[in-house]
């Protein structure tokens, strides 16, 4: 997925209240297993590493996202 598109989708989800605006209190990596990225909606495949973050907002919900998104979102 094009990173400009990913950035746009994530910004829209934050602005629309679908993603938390605050920080994650805990982030762990885990093997991908077909879960959907909470940030951009892409499928996290078994050959990818998923980062799972827990937020204070929204009842401490865990939010999976693929590892390559992290360094590139800036």
N, C-alpha and C. Protein backbone atom coordinates (compact mmCIF):
# COMPACT_ATOMS: atom_id res chain seq x y z
N UNK A 1 0.85 -1.18 0.00
CA UNK A 1 0.00 0.00 0.00
C UNK A 1 0.90 1.24 0.00
N UNK A 2 0.52 2.22 -0.79
CA UNK A 2 1.25 3.48 -0.90
C UNK A 2 1.20 4.22 0.45
N UNK A 3 2.36 4.64 0.94
CA UNK A 3 2.41 5.28 2.27
C UNK A 3 1.62 6.59 2.33
N UNK A 4 1.52 7.31 1.22
CA UNK A 4 0.70 8.53 1.24
C UNK A 4 -0.76 8.19 1.47
N UNK A 5 -1.21 7.10 0.86
CA UNK A 5 -2.59 6.64 1.06
C UNK A 5 -2.79 6.19 2.50
N UNK A 6 -1.81 5.44 3.03
CA UNK A 6 -1.88 4.97 4.41
C UNK A 6 -1.97 6.16 5.37
N UNK A 7 -1.12 7.16 5.18
CA UNK A 7 -1.16 8.35 6.04
C UNK A 7 -2.52 9.04 5.98
N UNK A 8 -3.06 9.15 4.78
CA UNK A 8 -4.37 9.79 4.61
C UNK A 8 -5.45 9.01 5.35
N UNK A 9 -5.47 7.70 5.18
CA UNK A 9 -6.47 6.85 5.84
C UNK A 9 -6.35 6.96 7.35
N UNK A 10 -5.12 6.91 7.87
CA UNK A 10 -4.93 7.00 9.32
C UNK A 10 -5.37 8.35 9.86
N UNK A 11 -5.00 9.43 9.17
CA UNK A 11 -5.43 10.76 9.62
C UNK A 11 -6.95 10.87 9.64
N UNK A 12 -7.61 10.35 8.61
CA UNK A 12 -9.07 10.38 8.57
C UNK A 12 -9.68 9.60 9.72
N UNK A 13 -9.09 8.45 10.05
CA UNK A 13 -9.61 7.63 11.15
C UNK A 13 -9.40 8.30 12.50
N UNK A 14 -8.27 8.99 12.68
CA UNK A 14 -8.03 9.73 13.93
C UNK A 14 -9.02 10.89 14.03
N UNK A 15 -9.13 11.65 12.94
CA UNK A 15 -10.04 12.80 12.94
C UNK A 15 -11.50 12.38 13.14
N UNK A 16 -11.86 11.22 12.64
CA UNK A 16 -13.23 10.72 12.77
C UNK A 16 -13.51 10.01 14.08
N UNK A 17 -12.49 9.90 14.94
CA UNK A 17 -12.67 9.27 16.24
C UNK A 17 -12.59 7.75 16.22
N UNK A 18 -12.19 7.17 15.09
CA UNK A 18 -12.08 5.72 15.00
C UNK A 18 -10.77 5.18 15.56
N UNK A 19 -9.79 6.05 15.69
CA UNK A 19 -8.51 5.70 16.31
C UNK A 19 -8.25 6.67 17.45
N UNK A 20 -7.58 6.23 18.49
CA UNK A 20 -7.30 7.13 19.62
C UNK A 20 -6.32 8.21 19.20
N UNK A 21 -6.46 9.37 19.80
CA UNK A 21 -5.56 10.48 19.51
C UNK A 21 -4.34 10.46 20.44
N UNK A 22 -4.48 9.81 21.59
CA UNK A 22 -3.40 9.78 22.58
C UNK A 22 -2.37 8.71 22.30
N UNK A 23 -1.48 8.55 23.24
CA UNK A 23 -0.39 7.57 23.11
C UNK A 23 -0.83 6.18 23.52
N UNK A 24 -0.04 5.21 23.07
CA UNK A 24 -0.26 3.84 23.50
C UNK A 24 0.54 3.63 24.78
N UNK A 25 -0.06 2.91 25.74
CA UNK A 25 0.63 2.70 27.00
C UNK A 25 1.54 1.48 26.95
N UNK A 26 1.29 0.58 26.01
CA UNK A 26 2.09 -0.63 25.91
C UNK A 26 2.08 -1.09 24.45
N UNK A 27 3.25 -1.42 23.92
CA UNK A 27 3.35 -1.92 22.55
C UNK A 27 4.22 -3.16 22.56
N UNK A 28 3.72 -4.22 21.91
CA UNK A 28 4.45 -5.48 21.83
C UNK A 28 4.43 -5.95 20.38
N UNK A 29 5.41 -6.76 20.00
CA UNK A 29 5.34 -7.37 18.68
C UNK A 29 4.85 -8.81 18.82
N UNK A 30 4.22 -9.28 17.75
CA UNK A 30 3.66 -10.63 17.72
C UNK A 30 3.63 -11.07 16.26
N UNK A 31 3.63 -12.37 16.03
CA UNK A 31 3.53 -12.82 14.64
C UNK A 31 2.18 -12.42 14.05
N UNK A 32 2.20 -12.00 12.79
CA UNK A 32 0.95 -11.71 12.11
C UNK A 32 0.16 -12.99 11.94
N UNK A 33 -1.14 -12.88 11.96
CA UNK A 33 -1.96 -14.07 11.85
C UNK A 33 -3.25 -13.81 11.10
N UNK A 34 -3.22 -12.89 10.15
CA UNK A 34 -4.42 -12.60 9.38
C UNK A 34 -5.30 -11.52 9.98
N UNK A 35 -4.87 -10.90 11.09
CA UNK A 35 -5.69 -9.84 11.68
C UNK A 35 -5.63 -8.58 10.81
N UNK A 36 -6.62 -7.72 10.97
CA UNK A 36 -6.66 -6.49 10.21
C UNK A 36 -5.98 -5.37 10.99
N UNK A 37 -5.22 -4.57 10.28
CA UNK A 37 -4.55 -3.42 10.88
C UNK A 37 -5.61 -2.42 11.33
N UNK A 38 -5.56 -2.03 12.58
CA UNK A 38 -6.53 -1.09 13.12
C UNK A 38 -6.31 0.31 12.56
N UNK A 39 -5.09 0.60 12.11
CA UNK A 39 -4.78 1.93 11.61
C UNK A 39 -5.20 2.12 10.15
N UNK A 40 -4.81 1.19 9.26
CA UNK A 40 -5.06 1.40 7.84
C UNK A 40 -6.01 0.40 7.22
N UNK A 41 -6.35 -0.68 7.92
CA UNK A 41 -7.29 -1.66 7.40
C UNK A 41 -6.67 -2.78 6.59
N UNK A 42 -5.35 -2.75 6.40
CA UNK A 42 -4.68 -3.81 5.64
C UNK A 42 -4.64 -5.11 6.43
N UNK A 43 -4.55 -6.22 5.74
CA UNK A 43 -4.43 -7.52 6.37
C UNK A 43 -2.98 -7.73 6.81
N UNK A 44 -2.76 -8.17 8.04
CA UNK A 44 -1.41 -8.45 8.54
C UNK A 44 -1.18 -9.94 8.37
N UNK A 45 -0.35 -10.28 7.40
CA UNK A 45 -0.16 -11.68 7.03
C UNK A 45 0.81 -12.39 7.97
N UNK A 46 0.84 -13.70 7.86
CA UNK A 46 1.68 -14.51 8.75
C UNK A 46 3.17 -14.30 8.50
N UNK A 47 3.55 -13.73 7.36
CA UNK A 47 4.97 -13.45 7.12
C UNK A 47 5.37 -12.06 7.60
N UNK A 48 4.46 -11.32 8.23
CA UNK A 48 4.75 -10.00 8.78
C UNK A 48 4.76 -10.06 10.31
N UNK A 49 5.39 -9.07 10.90
CA UNK A 49 5.36 -8.91 12.35
C UNK A 49 4.26 -7.88 12.65
N UNK A 50 3.38 -8.23 13.54
CA UNK A 50 2.33 -7.29 13.96
C UNK A 50 2.77 -6.62 15.25
N UNK A 51 2.52 -5.34 15.33
CA UNK A 51 2.73 -4.61 16.57
C UNK A 51 1.35 -4.44 17.20
N UNK A 52 1.24 -4.80 18.46
CA UNK A 52 -0.04 -4.71 19.15
C UNK A 52 0.10 -3.69 20.26
N UNK A 53 -0.67 -2.62 20.15
CA UNK A 53 -0.60 -1.56 21.14
C UNK A 53 -1.86 -1.52 21.99
N UNK A 54 -1.70 -1.20 23.25
CA UNK A 54 -2.83 -1.06 24.16
C UNK A 54 -2.96 0.41 24.51
N UNK A 55 -4.16 0.94 24.34
CA UNK A 55 -4.40 2.35 24.60
C UNK A 55 -5.14 2.53 25.92
N UNK A 56 -5.01 3.71 26.49
CA UNK A 56 -5.80 4.05 27.67
C UNK A 56 -7.21 4.45 27.27
N UNK A 57 -7.34 4.94 26.05
CA UNK A 57 -8.65 5.34 25.54
C UNK A 57 -9.41 4.11 25.08
N UNK A 58 -10.70 4.15 25.14
CA UNK A 58 -11.53 3.08 24.61
C UNK A 58 -11.46 1.79 25.40
N UNK A 59 -11.29 1.87 26.70
CA UNK A 59 -11.33 0.68 27.54
C UNK A 59 -10.14 -0.23 27.38
N UNK A 60 -8.96 0.34 27.20
CA UNK A 60 -7.72 -0.44 27.08
C UNK A 60 -7.77 -1.46 25.95
N UNK A 61 -8.32 -1.08 24.86
CA UNK A 61 -8.44 -1.95 23.69
C UNK A 61 -7.08 -2.17 23.04
N UNK A 62 -6.80 -3.39 22.62
CA UNK A 62 -5.56 -3.64 21.89
C UNK A 62 -5.80 -3.32 20.42
N UNK A 63 -4.78 -2.77 19.76
CA UNK A 63 -4.90 -2.34 18.38
C UNK A 63 -3.72 -2.89 17.58
N UNK A 64 -3.98 -3.85 16.69
CA UNK A 64 -2.89 -4.40 15.88
C UNK A 64 -2.57 -3.53 14.67
N UNK A 65 -1.29 -3.47 14.31
CA UNK A 65 -0.85 -2.80 13.10
C UNK A 65 0.47 -3.42 12.66
N UNK A 66 0.75 -3.44 11.34
CA UNK A 66 1.98 -4.07 10.86
C UNK A 66 3.20 -3.24 11.19
N UNK A 67 4.26 -3.90 11.51
CA UNK A 67 5.50 -3.23 11.92
C UNK A 67 6.02 -2.21 10.91
N UNK A 68 5.96 -2.45 9.59
CA UNK A 68 6.50 -1.46 8.65
C UNK A 68 5.84 -0.09 8.72
N UNK A 69 4.63 0.02 9.26
CA UNK A 69 3.98 1.33 9.36
C UNK A 69 4.68 2.24 10.35
N UNK A 70 5.26 1.69 11.38
CA UNK A 70 5.80 2.51 12.47
C UNK A 70 6.86 3.53 12.06
N UNK A 71 7.97 3.13 11.45
CA UNK A 71 9.01 4.12 11.19
C UNK A 71 8.66 5.09 10.07
N UNK A 72 7.68 4.77 9.23
CA UNK A 72 7.41 5.57 8.05
C UNK A 72 6.32 6.60 8.23
N UNK A 73 5.59 6.60 9.33
CA UNK A 73 4.47 7.50 9.46
C UNK A 73 4.83 8.90 9.87
N UNK A 74 5.91 9.07 10.61
CA UNK A 74 6.44 10.35 11.02
C UNK A 74 5.53 11.49 11.25
